[in-house]
Every structure is written in C-alpha cells, then in structure tokens.
Amino acid sequence: MSSCTPIMGLKAIRQSVPEIRKMNFMPSRSLVGSCPPKLVIFDFDGTLAETEILVAEIISAKLTLLGFDVAAHAVSSALSGAAKEQDQPLLEALIRSRLPEGFIEDVRIDWRAAISSGVVPTRGAVDALEGLPIPYCIASNASRPDLIHRMRSAGLLRLVGPRFFSSDDVGLRKPDPSVFLLAAEVMGVEPDECLVIEDSSVGLEAARRAHMRSCAFVGGKHHSPQMQGELRMFGPDLVISDLSELKLLLTEICGSSALAHPASL
C-alpha cells in the first residue's frame, strides 16, 4: 500500500488562486482530499493530439461518397474506444448497410498519410507537458510504431521522450487495465498514486479497473455534447476541457513536494 500526506480541501483549492477559481470544474474529494497523485498517465489519441477527429472526418467523407450522410461527430461517437476489428461492423451498424470490403483498410491508409502531414495537439497539451509539476507518461491502445509516428507528427515526442507504453507491450487493449498497470510499475508508483487522463469511456473504465483516479478530457474536436455528457456521467474524479487546467490544478494541490520536471527513464 502507498502512503501519503493529506492535502488541502476542495474549497481551499478553489479559492487559492484566481486561475482555478475561474475553471468550470470541481475536482472530487478522491482527487484532492487524501493523496496528491505522483504520476499522470495520458492516453494519446484524442487526449494529447487531434487524431480522432482526423480519422472521423476521413470516414465521414468516404461515407458521403457512398451516399451516406454521417457527420464526423457521429462517427467519433460510434467508434470511441473500439478495437480495430470492431470498426467496420460498428460503422455498418451506424449506417444500417454493408460497406465495401477493405473500407477500413483504405481509411487507415489515408489516416496515416494525413497524420504524416502533421497533427494538431489538443487544447493545452503542450502547455501541460511542458509544465506539469509531477512525472507523466503515455499509455495508449495504439501500436508502438503508430504511437511513435503520431507523437512525432504532433511535435510531442520531444516532450514525452521514452516514457510511453503501448497495448503491444502487454498484448491487451483497454478497457483491460494492463497497460496502465505496466506504466505505473515502470514509473515506480502504486496504482492509487496515478491520475489517468482519458478522452473515452473505455479508457476511464480501464483506469477504474486499475484502481487509479481518472480525469475525463472533453475538449477534443471529436467531442460532441453527447460524448461530453457520457464522459461526465461515467463519474471521473475530474472533468476538464483544456489540459492547461490540469497543470494549474496539480501545481496547486501537489505543492512544493512535487518534482519540478518529469522523471526520465
């Protein structure tokens, strides 16, 4: 079991700095009422980079060519957190029709080409990674080669360095918690000392199974109001729409005992 010192209460955190008073969220007692987190574990796609809206727009455009009018947000909602092999059946259920053989394979080719042209980080991602007061890493369902490619295209690989973990490393995908548990083990912290940042209910469920605290990021371009509502209903410890808010909050609750820079492996 981990041990830590209790930290300030909710009202004290809310009132302590003007920036936090302006935020449109209130952290739960499990996040700020007992132990400050010692590690932040980020998902990547849709959490740190706008890759999810990119693939949704590609799919939406291809469906339009086939005569189906499906908005990108509807595609994102249907495929959120899905395994690769589920993508085509889920899309066929969405449009209530069969898709051409190889449809998803063509989408992935176009998606990779689009990513190679450059991916935009999500709101506040760079600010958060440059200024978090405690160590962080990435744990993703993406394959290791795809994850490296996407981090590099978003300009985030230089900030993350070697601190990333893939479902390839454990042979299991979220909502199985194995990739989160591996990240905690390698980074040298207990599961209950971690805060997971996720953009999907599948990722939040993986955090729950790992007995880690969780934060729902709802500020991705792929997040429709419906998806945002579903993530809030899941009951995470924190909900934010701008990752720079995370930096402000953790800087306050972790205080001077936090590390000045992320740990390196």
C-alpha atoms as a PDB file:
ATOM      1  CA  MET A   1       0.000   0.000   0.000  1.00  0.00           C
ATOM      2  CA  SER A   2       1.137   3.541  -0.687  1.00  0.00           C
ATOM      3  CA  SER A   3       1.358   6.233   1.957  1.00  0.00           C
ATOM      4  CA  CYS A   4       0.945   9.974   1.540  1.00  0.00           C
ATOM      5  CA  THR A   5       0.067  13.140   3.383  1.00  0.00           C
ATOM      6  CA  PRO A   6      -3.477  14.548   3.127  1.00  0.00           C
ATOM      7  CA  ILE A   7      -3.713  17.808   1.243  1.00  0.00           C
ATOM      8  CA  MET A   8      -5.970  20.842   1.284  1.00  0.00           C
ATOM      9  CA  GLY A   9      -9.724  20.561   0.912  1.00  0.00           C
ATOM     10  CA  LEU A  10     -11.887  21.436  -2.057  1.00  0.00           C
ATOM     11  CA  LYS A  11     -12.780  24.973  -1.030  1.00  0.00           C
ATOM     12  CA  ALA A  12      -9.185  25.853  -0.233  1.00  0.00           C
ATOM     13  CA  ILE A  13      -8.043  24.699  -3.668  1.00  0.00           C
ATOM     14  CA  ARG A  14     -10.888  26.507  -5.413  1.00  0.00           C
ATOM     15  CA  GLN A  15     -10.110  29.766  -3.583  1.00  0.00           C
ATOM     16  CA  SER A  16      -6.318  29.570  -3.571  1.00  0.00           C
ATOM     17  CA  VAL A  17      -5.509  31.037  -6.986  1.00  0.00           C
ATOM     18  CA  PRO A  18      -7.580  33.162  -9.385  1.00  0.00           C
ATOM     19  CA  GLU A  19      -6.962  30.837 -12.349  1.00  0.00           C
ATOM     20  CA  ILE A  20      -8.500  27.863 -10.554  1.00  0.00           C
ATOM     21  CA  ARG A  21     -11.477  29.917  -9.336  1.00  0.00           C
ATOM     22  CA  LYS A  22     -12.300  30.650 -12.997  1.00  0.00           C
ATOM     23  CA  MET A  23     -12.306  26.992 -14.070  1.00  0.00           C
ATOM     24  CA  ASN A  24     -15.591  25.290 -14.840  1.00  0.00           C
ATOM     25  CA  PHE A  25     -14.870  22.141 -12.856  1.00  0.00           C
ATOM     26  CA  MET A  26     -14.567  20.996  -9.282  1.00  0.00           C
ATOM     27  CA  PRO A  27     -12.197  18.117  -8.504  1.00  0.00           C
ATOM     28  CA  SER A  28     -13.681  15.291  -6.485  1.00  0.00           C
ATOM     29  CA  ARG A  29     -12.683  14.536  -2.931  1.00  0.00           C
ATOM     30  CA  SER A  30     -10.881  11.379  -4.043  1.00  0.00           C
ATOM     31  CA  LEU A  31      -8.570  13.526  -6.153  1.00  0.00           C
ATOM     32  CA  VAL A  32      -7.743  16.302  -3.724  1.00  0.00           C
ATOM     33  CA  GLY A  33      -8.919  15.150  -0.305  1.00  0.00           C
ATOM     34  CA  SER A  34      -6.401  12.438   0.504  1.00  0.00           C
ATOM     35  CA  CYS A  35      -3.251  11.844  -1.528  1.00  0.00           C
ATOM     36  CA  PRO A  36      -1.890  14.042  -4.305  1.00  0.00           C
ATOM     37  CA  PRO A  37      -1.073  11.998  -7.417  1.00  0.00           C
ATOM     38  CA  LYS A  38       2.560  11.152  -8.054  1.00  0.00           C
ATOM     39  CA  LEU A  39       2.166  10.229 -11.732  1.00  0.00           C
ATOM     40  CA  VAL A  40      -0.067  11.406 -14.583  1.00  0.00           C
ATOM     41  CA  ILE A  41      -0.806   8.799 -17.251  1.00  0.00           C
ATOM     42  CA  PHE A  42      -2.105  10.270 -20.507  1.00  0.00           C
ATOM     43  CA  ASP A  43      -3.947   8.488 -23.248  1.00  0.00           C
ATOM     44  CA  PHE A  44      -2.740   9.799 -26.609  1.00  0.00           C
ATOM     45  CA  ASP A  45      -5.304   9.716 -29.436  1.00  0.00           C
ATOM     46  CA  GLY A  46      -7.918  12.378 -28.794  1.00  0.00           C
ATOM     47  CA  THR A  47      -6.336  13.282 -25.457  1.00  0.00           C
ATOM     48  CA  LEU A  48      -2.982  14.799 -26.421  1.00  0.00           C
ATOM     49  CA  ALA A  49      -3.462  15.052 -30.199  1.00  0.00           C
ATOM     50  CA  GLU A  50      -6.426  15.636 -32.515  1.00  0.00           C
ATOM     51  CA  THR A  51      -6.097  12.299 -34.284  1.00  0.00           C
ATOM     52  CA  GLU A  52      -9.644  11.158 -33.528  1.00  0.00           C
ATOM     53  CA  ILE A  53     -11.399  13.974 -35.373  1.00  0.00           C
ATOM     54  CA  LEU A  54      -8.971  13.468 -38.239  1.00  0.00           C
ATOM     55  CA  VAL A  55      -9.973   9.843 -38.815  1.00  0.00           C
ATOM     56  CA  ALA A  56     -13.646  10.672 -38.224  1.00  0.00           C
ATOM     57  CA  GLU A  57     -13.552  13.323 -40.950  1.00  0.00           C
ATOM     58  CA  ILE A  58     -11.881  10.872 -43.348  1.00  0.00           C
ATOM     59  CA  ILE A  59     -14.565   8.263 -42.673  1.00  0.00           C
ATOM     60  CA  SER A  60     -17.359  10.829 -42.973  1.00  0.00           C
ATOM     61  CA  ALA A  61     -16.039  11.966 -46.367  1.00  0.00           C
ATOM     62  CA  LYS A  62     -15.763   8.379 -47.628  1.00  0.00           C
ATOM     63  CA  LEU A  63     -19.285   7.577 -46.442  1.00  0.00           C
ATOM     64  CA  THR A  64     -20.574  10.657 -48.273  1.00  0.00           C
ATOM     65  CA  LEU A  65     -19.075   9.324 -51.494  1.00  0.00           C
ATOM     66  CA  LEU A  66     -21.033   6.113 -50.900  1.00  0.00           C
ATOM     67  CA  GLY A  67     -24.280   8.057 -50.409  1.00  0.00           C
ATOM     68  CA  PHE A  68     -24.409   8.123 -46.588  1.00  0.00           C
ATOM     69  CA  ASP A  69     -24.675  11.453 -44.806  1.00  0.00           C
ATOM     70  CA  VAL A  70     -22.933  10.850 -41.464  1.00  0.00           C
ATOM     71  CA  ALA A  71     -21.298  13.678 -39.539  1.00  0.00           C
ATOM     72  CA  ALA A  72     -17.773  13.275 -38.187  1.00  0.00           C
ATOM     73  CA  HIS A  73     -19.017  13.595 -34.581  1.00  0.00           C
ATOM     74  CA  ALA A  74     -21.397  10.691 -35.134  1.00  0.00           C
ATOM     75  CA  VAL A  75     -18.515   8.592 -36.426  1.00  0.00           C
ATOM     76  CA  SER A  76     -16.376   9.506 -33.390  1.00  0.00           C
ATOM     77  CA  SER A  77     -19.170   8.572 -31.025  1.00  0.00           C
ATOM     78  CA  ALA A  78     -19.741   5.214 -32.731  1.00  0.00           C
ATOM     79  CA  LEU A  79     -16.066   4.233 -32.755  1.00  0.00           C
ATOM     80  CA  SER A  80     -14.933   5.709 -29.446  1.00  0.00           C
ATOM     81  CA  GLY A  81     -12.528   3.276 -27.789  1.00  0.00           C
ATOM     82  CA  ALA A  82     -13.348   0.450 -30.220  1.00  0.00           C
ATOM     83  CA  ALA A  83     -10.851  -2.220 -31.191  1.00  0.00           C
ATOM     84  CA  LYS A  84      -9.663  -2.155 -34.804  1.00  0.00           C
ATOM     85  CA  GLU A  85     -11.573  -5.282 -35.738  1.00  0.00           C
ATOM     86  CA  GLN A  86     -14.798  -3.679 -34.499  1.00  0.00           C
ATOM     87  CA  ASP A  87     -14.556  -0.534 -36.624  1.00  0.00           C
ATOM     88  CA  GLN A  88     -16.221  -1.785 -39.800  1.00  0.00           C
ATOM     89  CA  PRO A  89     -19.071  -3.671 -38.033  1.00  0.00           C
ATOM     90  CA  LEU A  90     -19.777  -0.596 -35.887  1.00  0.00           C
ATOM     91  CA  LEU A  91     -19.887   1.667 -38.930  1.00  0.00           C
ATOM     92  CA  GLU A  92     -22.178  -0.771 -40.739  1.00  0.00           C
ATOM     93  CA  ALA A  93     -24.487  -0.714 -37.726  1.00  0.00           C
ATOM     94  CA  LEU A  94     -24.411   3.096 -37.782  1.00  0.00           C
ATOM     95  CA  ILE A  95     -25.431   3.357 -41.451  1.00  0.00           C
ATOM     96  CA  ARG A  96     -27.522   0.150 -41.411  1.00  0.00           C
ATOM     97  CA  SER A  97     -25.823  -1.105 -44.539  1.00  0.00           C
ATOM     98  CA  ARG A  98     -22.830  -3.161 -45.604  1.00  0.00           C
ATOM     99  CA  LEU A  99     -19.615  -1.366 -46.504  1.00  0.00           C
ATOM    100  CA  PRO A 100     -17.268  -2.397 -49.308  1.00  0.00           C
ATOM    101  CA  GLU A 101     -14.640  -4.946 -48.383  1.00  0.00           C
ATOM    102  CA  GLY A 102     -11.442  -3.193 -47.371  1.00  0.00           C
ATOM    103  CA  PHE A 103     -13.203   0.070 -46.453  1.00  0.00           C
ATOM    104  CA  ILE A 104     -11.475   0.397 -43.093  1.00  0.00           C
ATOM    105  CA  GLU A 105      -8.096  -0.587 -44.527  1.00  0.00           C
ATOM    106  CA  ASP A 106      -8.402   2.283 -47.024  1.00  0.00           C
ATOM    107  CA  VAL A 107      -9.358   4.624 -44.190  1.00  0.00           C
ATOM    108  CA  ARG A 108      -6.258   3.654 -42.219  1.00  0.00           C
ATOM    109  CA  ILE A 109      -4.007   4.295 -45.209  1.00  0.00           C
ATOM    110  CA  ASP A 110      -5.495   7.772 -45.661  1.00  0.00           C
ATOM    111  CA  TRP A 111      -5.339   8.408 -41.899  1.00  0.00           C
ATOM    112  CA  ARG A 112      -1.668   7.561 -41.678  1.00  0.00           C
ATOM    113  CA  ALA A 113      -0.926   9.803 -44.669  1.00  0.00           C
ATOM    114  CA  ALA A 114      -2.871  12.659 -43.057  1.00  0.00           C
ATOM    115  CA  ILE A 115      -1.013  12.184 -39.780  1.00  0.00           C
ATOM    116  CA  SER A 116       2.290  12.307 -41.643  1.00  0.00           C
ATOM    117  CA  SER A 117       1.308  15.771 -42.851  1.00  0.00           C
ATOM    118  CA  GLY A 118       1.066  16.931 -39.248  1.00  0.00           C
ATOM    119  CA  VAL A 119      -1.339  16.604 -36.329  1.00  0.00           C
ATOM    120  CA  VAL A 120      -2.520  19.403 -34.054  1.00  0.00           C
ATOM    121  CA  PRO A 121      -2.071  18.869 -30.289  1.00  0.00           C
ATOM    122  CA  THR A 122      -5.245  19.144 -28.240  1.00  0.00           C
ATOM    123  CA  ARG A 123      -6.051  22.320 -26.338  1.00  0.00           C
ATOM    124  CA  GLY A 124      -3.446  22.953 -23.644  1.00  0.00           C
ATOM    125  CA  ALA A 125      -1.470  19.762 -24.350  1.00  0.00           C
ATOM    126  CA  VAL A 126       1.897  21.398 -24.970  1.00  0.00           C
ATOM    127  CA  ASP A 127       1.461  23.746 -22.020  1.00  0.00           C
ATOM    128  CA  ALA A 128       0.630  20.811 -19.746  1.00  0.00           C
ATOM    129  CA  LEU A 129       3.506  18.605 -20.866  1.00  0.00           C
ATOM    130  CA  GLU A 130       5.975  21.453 -20.533  1.00  0.00           C
ATOM    131  CA  GLY A 131       4.779  22.496 -17.095  1.00  0.00           C
ATOM    132  CA  LEU A 132       3.322  19.586 -15.102  1.00  0.00           C
ATOM    133  CA  PRO A 133       4.837  19.549 -11.615  1.00  0.00           C
ATOM    134  CA  ILE A 134       4.907  15.752 -11.355  1.00  0.00           C
ATOM    135  CA  PRO A 135       6.123  12.966 -13.677  1.00  0.00           C
ATOM    136  CA  TYR A 136       3.954  11.844 -16.562  1.00  0.00           C
ATOM    137  CA  CYS A 137       3.880   9.189 -19.270  1.00  0.00           C
ATOM    138  CA  ILE A 138       1.615   7.943 -22.064  1.00  0.00           C
ATOM    139  CA  ALA A 139      -0.308   4.648 -22.152  1.00  0.00           C
ATOM    140  CA  SER A 140      -2.153   4.006 -25.415  1.00  0.00           C
ATOM    141  CA  ASN A 141      -4.102   1.351 -27.273  1.00  0.00           C
ATOM    142  CA  ALA A 142      -2.178   2.314 -30.413  1.00  0.00           C
ATOM    143  CA  SER A 143       0.569   0.030 -31.622  1.00  0.00           C
ATOM    144  CA  ARG A 144       4.076   1.114 -30.670  1.00  0.00           C
ATOM    145  CA  PRO A 145       5.071   2.135 -34.259  1.00  0.00           C
ATOM    146  CA  ASP A 146       1.804   4.066 -34.719  1.00  0.00           C
ATOM    147  CA  LEU A 147       2.180   5.776 -31.362  1.00  0.00           C
ATOM    148  CA  ILE A 148       5.712   6.941 -32.167  1.00  0.00           C
ATOM    149  CA  HIS A 149       4.560   8.173 -35.579  1.00  0.00           C
ATOM    150  CA  ARG A 150       1.667  10.131 -34.085  1.00  0.00           C
ATOM    151  CA  MET A 151       3.714  11.659 -31.255  1.00  0.00           C
ATOM    152  CA  ARG A 152       6.357  12.785 -33.739  1.00  0.00           C
ATOM    153  CA  SER A 153       3.769  14.243 -36.124  1.00  0.00           C
ATOM    154  CA  ALA A 154       2.153  16.194 -33.279  1.00  0.00           C
ATOM    155  CA  GLY A 155       5.539  17.527 -32.148  1.00  0.00           C
ATOM    156  CA  LEU A 156       5.171  15.829 -28.755  1.00  0.00           C
ATOM    157  CA  LEU A 157       7.803  13.091 -28.952  1.00  0.00           C
ATOM    158  CA  ARG A 158      10.489  15.520 -27.811  1.00  0.00           C
ATOM    159  CA  LEU A 159       8.467  16.203 -24.643  1.00  0.00           C
ATOM    160  CA  VAL A 160       7.463  12.623 -23.884  1.00  0.00           C
ATOM    161  CA  GLY A 161      10.835  11.011 -24.621  1.00  0.00           C
ATOM    162  CA  PRO A 162      10.887   7.281 -23.767  1.00  0.00           C
ATOM    163  CA  ARG A 163       8.022   7.491 -21.286  1.00  0.00           C
ATOM    164  CA  PHE A 164       5.321   5.803 -23.391  1.00  0.00           C
ATOM    165  CA  PHE A 165       3.606   2.440 -23.262  1.00  0.00           C
ATOM    166  CA  SER A 166       1.537   0.623 -25.879  1.00  0.00           C
ATOM    167  CA  SER A 167      -1.021  -2.158 -25.787  1.00  0.00           C
ATOM    168  CA  ASP A 168       1.635  -4.002 -27.820  1.00  0.00           C
ATOM    169  CA  ASP A 169       3.683  -4.211 -24.625  1.00  0.00           C
ATOM    170  CA  VAL A 170       1.069  -6.241 -22.768  1.00  0.00           C
ATOM    171  CA  GLY A 171      -0.950  -7.881 -25.552  1.00  0.00           C
ATOM    172  CA  LEU A 172      -4.198  -6.481 -24.187  1.00  0.00           C
ATOM    173  CA  ARG A 173      -6.187  -3.360 -25.014  1.00  0.00           C
ATOM    174  CA  LYS A 174      -8.168  -1.030 -22.792  1.00  0.00           C
ATOM    175  CA  PRO A 175     -10.566  -1.432 -21.043  1.00  0.00           C
ATOM    176  CA  ASP A 176      -8.195  -4.078 -19.731  1.00  0.00           C
ATOM    177  CA  PRO A 177      -6.021  -2.176 -17.222  1.00  0.00           C
ATOM    178  CA  SER A 178      -2.742  -3.927 -18.048  1.00  0.00           C
ATOM    179  CA  VAL A 179      -1.110  -1.078 -19.982  1.00  0.00           C
ATOM    180  CA  PHE A 180      -1.857   1.349 -17.136  1.00  0.00           C
ATOM    181  CA  LEU A 181      -0.514  -1.066 -14.548  1.00  0.00           C
ATOM    182  CA  LEU A 182       2.645  -1.563 -16.606  1.00  0.00           C
ATOM    183  CA  ALA A 183       3.133   2.203 -16.819  1.00  0.00           C
ATOM    184  CA  ALA A 184       2.802   2.568 -13.046  1.00  0.00           C
ATOM    185  CA  GLU A 185       5.203  -0.309 -12.411  1.00  0.00           C
ATOM    186  CA  VAL A 186       7.887   1.019 -14.734  1.00  0.00           C
ATOM    187  CA  MET A 187       7.498   4.582 -13.461  1.00  0.00           C
ATOM    188  CA  GLY A 188       7.838   3.343  -9.884  1.00  0.00           C
ATOM    189  CA  VAL A 189       4.483   4.324  -8.364  1.00  0.00           C
ATOM    190  CA  GLU A 190       1.484   2.485  -6.938  1.00  0.00           C
ATOM    191  CA  PRO A 191      -1.777   2.395  -8.932  1.00  0.00           C
ATOM    192  CA  ASP A 192      -3.605   4.546  -6.379  1.00  0.00           C
ATOM    193  CA  GLU A 193      -0.919   7.211  -6.801  1.00  0.00           C
ATOM    194  CA  CYS A 194      -1.762   7.654 -10.503  1.00  0.00           C
ATOM    195  CA  LEU A 195      -4.100  10.055 -12.273  1.00  0.00           C
ATOM    196  CA  VAL A 196      -5.227   8.856 -15.713  1.00  0.00           C
ATOM    197  CA  ILE A 197      -6.289  11.385 -18.373  1.00  0.00           C
ATOM    198  CA  GLU A 198      -8.669   9.896 -20.949  1.00  0.00           C
ATOM    199  CA  ASP A 199     -10.999  11.081 -23.695  1.00  0.00           C
ATOM    200  CA  SER A 200     -13.208   7.971 -23.833  1.00  0.00           C
ATOM    201  CA  SER A 201     -15.337   5.851 -21.516  1.00  0.00           C
ATOM    202  CA  VAL A 202     -13.271   2.799 -22.481  1.00  0.00           C
ATOM    203  CA  GLY A 203     -10.154   4.489 -21.125  1.00  0.00           C
ATOM    204  CA  LEU A 204     -11.954   5.639 -17.976  1.00  0.00           C
ATOM    205  CA  GLU A 205     -13.131   2.076 -17.402  1.00  0.00           C
ATOM    206  CA  ALA A 206      -9.537   0.842 -17.720  1.00  0.00           C
ATOM    207  CA  ALA A 207      -8.476   3.384 -15.082  1.00  0.00           C
ATOM    208  CA  ARG A 208     -11.273   2.200 -12.803  1.00  0.00           C
ATOM    209  CA  ARG A 209     -10.209  -1.421 -13.177  1.00  0.00           C
ATOM    210  CA  ALA A 210      -6.616  -0.419 -12.412  1.00  0.00           C
ATOM    211  CA  HIS A 211      -7.819   1.318  -9.206  1.00  0.00           C
ATOM    212  CA  MET A 212      -6.440   4.622 -10.470  1.00  0.00           C
ATOM    213  CA  ARG A 213      -8.008   8.051 -10.230  1.00  0.00           C
ATOM    214  CA  SER A 214      -9.255   9.441 -13.506  1.00  0.00           C
ATOM    215  CA  CYS A 215      -9.800  12.687 -15.383  1.00  0.00           C
ATOM    216  CA  ALA A 216     -12.109  12.945 -18.391  1.00  0.00           C
ATOM    217  CA  PHE A 217     -10.769  15.265 -21.075  1.00  0.00           C
ATOM    218  CA  VAL A 218     -13.771  16.607 -23.005  1.00  0.00           C
ATOM    219  CA  GLY A 219     -12.073  19.333 -25.063  1.00  0.00           C
ATOM    220  CA  GLY A 220     -11.146  17.334 -28.160  1.00  0.00           C
ATOM    221  CA  LYS A 221     -12.511  18.418 -31.513  1.00  0.00           C
ATOM    222  CA  HIS A 222     -14.149  14.997 -31.789  1.00  0.00           C
ATOM    223  CA  HIS A 223     -16.155  15.501 -28.589  1.00  0.00           C
ATOM    224  CA  SER A 224     -19.815  16.173 -29.313  1.00  0.00           C
ATOM    225  CA  PRO A 225     -22.084  17.428 -26.497  1.00  0.00           C
ATOM    226  CA  GLN A 226     -23.436  13.873 -26.258  1.00  0.00           C
ATOM    227  CA  MET A 227     -19.951  12.400 -25.789  1.00  0.00           C
ATOM    228  CA  GLN A 228     -19.083  15.062 -23.228  1.00  0.00           C
ATOM    229  CA  GLY A 229     -22.221  14.208 -21.280  1.00  0.00           C
ATOM    230  CA  GLU A 230     -21.490  10.493 -21.377  1.00  0.00           C
ATOM    231  CA  LEU A 231     -17.985  11.057 -20.037  1.00  0.00           C
ATOM    232  CA  ARG A 232     -19.275  13.223 -17.192  1.00  0.00           C
ATOM    233  CA  MET A 233     -21.875  10.574 -16.335  1.00  0.00           C
ATOM    234  CA  PHE A 234     -19.122   7.982 -16.025  1.00  0.00           C
ATOM    235  CA  GLY A 235     -18.098   9.629 -12.766  1.00  0.00           C
ATOM    236  CA  PRO A 236     -14.419  10.556 -13.194  1.00  0.00           C
ATOM    237  CA  ASP A 237     -12.625  12.412 -10.400  1.00  0.00           C
ATOM    238  CA  LEU A 238     -12.111  15.401 -12.661  1.00  0.00           C
ATOM    239  CA  VAL A 239     -13.502  16.773 -15.938  1.00  0.00           C
ATOM    240  CA  ILE A 240     -11.532  19.319 -17.968  1.00  0.00           C
ATOM    241  CA  SER A 241     -11.773  20.822 -21.437  1.00  0.00           C
ATOM    242  CA  ASP A 242      -8.291  22.352 -21.555  1.00  0.00           C
ATOM    243  CA  LEU A 243      -5.201  20.431 -20.447  1.00  0.00           C
ATOM    244  CA  SER A 244      -3.550  23.595 -19.174  1.00  0.00           C
ATOM    245  CA  GLU A 245      -6.182  23.486 -16.396  1.00  0.00           C
ATOM    246  CA  LEU A 246      -4.587  20.233 -15.267  1.00  0.00           C
ATOM    247  CA  LYS A 247      -1.228  21.930 -14.870  1.00  0.00           C
ATOM    248  CA  LEU A 248      -2.716  24.697 -12.748  1.00  0.00           C
ATOM    249  CA  LEU A 249      -4.617  22.291 -10.517  1.00  0.00           C
ATOM    250  CA  LEU A 250      -1.725  19.873  -9.956  1.00  0.00           C
ATOM    251  CA  THR A 251       0.700  22.704  -9.310  1.00  0.00           C
ATOM    252  CA  GLU A 252      -1.588  23.857  -6.519  1.00  0.00           C
ATOM    253  CA  ILE A 253      -2.501  20.537  -4.898  1.00  0.00           C
ATOM    254  CA  CYS A 254       0.929  18.932  -5.159  1.00  0.00           C
ATOM    255  CA  GLY A 255       2.738  21.955  -3.733  1.00  0.00           C
ATOM    256  CA  SER A 256       6.454  22.195  -3.203  1.00  0.00           C
ATOM    257  CA  SER A 257       6.858  18.448  -2.643  1.00  0.00           C
ATOM    258  CA  ALA A 258       6.207  17.774  -6.334  1.00  0.00           C
ATOM    259  CA  LEU A 259       9.043  17.237  -8.743  1.00  0.00           C
ATOM    260  CA  ALA A 260       9.993  20.239 -10.844  1.00  0.00           C
ATOM    261  CA  HIS A 261      10.348  18.213 -14.041  1.00  0.00           C
ATOM    262  CA  PRO A 262       9.078  14.854 -15.313  1.00  0.00           C
ATOM    263  CA  ALA A 263      11.172  11.854 -14.367  1.00  0.00           C
ATOM    264  CA  SER A 264      13.276  10.239 -17.033  1.00  0.00           C
ATOM    265  CA  LEU A 265      13.827   6.544 -17.631  1.00  0.00           C
END
